[in-house]
Amino acid sequence: MKARPLRCRLAWRLSWLSLLFFAFAIFIMIFDPDTLKALIATPLWFIALWLCWKMKQKREGQTRLEKLNA
């Protein structure tokens, strides 16, 4: 017996539904002062993590270059 691929007819709707759920959760979190502070701090935290990652990559790239030249 040949296996048939599993198809979900509502896959594109379910992905949009999950995005709407996250947007609704963020909307609800805006009304509490404690969670509002966290919502404001979260993008800043991710930017700080990204900057640290970029600095680490740059530093590792320089050490690799020094090892190749030595």
Protein backbone atom coordinates (compact mmCIF):
# COMPACT_ATOMS: atom_id res chain seq x y z
CA MET A 1 0.00 0.00 0.00
CA LYS A 2 1.38 3.38 -1.03
CA ALA A 3 1.78 5.98 1.71
CA ARG A 4 -0.06 9.21 1.11
CA PRO A 5 1.38 12.55 2.24
CA LEU A 6 -0.26 14.08 5.26
CA ARG A 7 -2.03 17.27 4.30
CA CYS A 8 -3.51 19.90 6.55
CA ARG A 9 -6.03 22.00 4.68
CA LEU A 10 -6.05 24.76 7.28
CA ALA A 11 -2.28 25.09 7.74
CA TRP A 12 -2.05 28.66 6.46
CA ARG A 13 -5.01 29.70 8.62
CA LEU A 14 -3.53 28.09 11.72
CA SER A 15 -0.26 29.96 11.31
CA TRP A 16 -2.13 33.26 11.09
CA LEU A 17 -4.25 32.24 14.07
CA SER A 18 -1.15 31.65 16.17
CA LEU A 19 0.26 35.05 15.17
CA LEU A 20 -3.04 36.65 16.16
CA PHE A 21 -2.87 34.87 19.50
CA PHE A 22 0.60 36.29 20.19
CA ALA A 23 -0.54 39.76 19.16
CA PHE A 24 -3.54 39.45 21.49
CA ALA A 25 -1.29 38.31 24.35
CA ILE A 26 0.99 41.31 23.83
CA PHE A 27 -2.05 43.60 23.66
CA ILE A 28 -3.32 42.25 27.00
CA MET A 29 0.13 42.63 28.57
CA ILE A 30 0.15 46.35 27.76
CA PHE A 31 -2.48 47.09 30.40
CA ASP A 32 -0.47 45.84 33.40
CA PRO A 33 2.33 48.26 34.42
CA ASP A 34 4.73 45.44 35.34
CA THR A 35 4.36 43.61 32.06
CA LEU A 36 4.47 46.89 30.15
CA LYS A 37 7.96 47.48 31.54
CA ALA A 38 8.96 44.00 30.41
CA LEU A 39 7.51 44.60 26.94
CA ILE A 40 9.53 47.79 26.64
CA ALA A 41 12.71 46.14 27.91
CA THR A 42 12.49 43.03 25.72
CA PRO A 43 13.52 44.65 22.40
CA LEU A 44 16.35 46.45 24.20
CA TRP A 45 17.52 43.13 25.65
CA PHE A 46 17.54 41.47 22.23
CA ILE A 47 19.47 44.39 20.75
CA ALA A 48 22.04 44.11 23.55
CA LEU A 49 22.37 40.36 22.96
CA TRP A 50 22.80 40.93 19.23
CA LEU A 51 25.52 43.53 19.82
CA CYS A 52 27.39 41.19 22.18
CA TRP A 53 27.16 38.41 19.62
CA LYS A 54 28.51 40.69 16.88
CA MET A 55 31.41 41.80 19.09
CA LYS A 56 32.19 38.17 19.91
CA GLN A 57 32.16 37.25 16.23
CA LYS A 58 34.47 40.13 15.41
CA ARG A 59 36.87 39.20 18.22
CA GLU A 60 36.89 35.53 17.19
CA GLY A 61 37.52 36.55 13.59
CA GLN A 62 40.52 38.63 14.66
CA THR A 63 42.00 35.79 16.72
CA ARG A 64 41.58 33.37 13.80
CA LEU A 65 43.31 35.86 11.52
CA GLU A 66 46.17 36.24 14.00
CA LYS A 67 46.56 32.45 14.20
CA LEU A 68 46.68 32.19 10.41
CA ASN A 69 49.31 34.93 10.15
CA ALA A 70 51.50 33.48 12.93
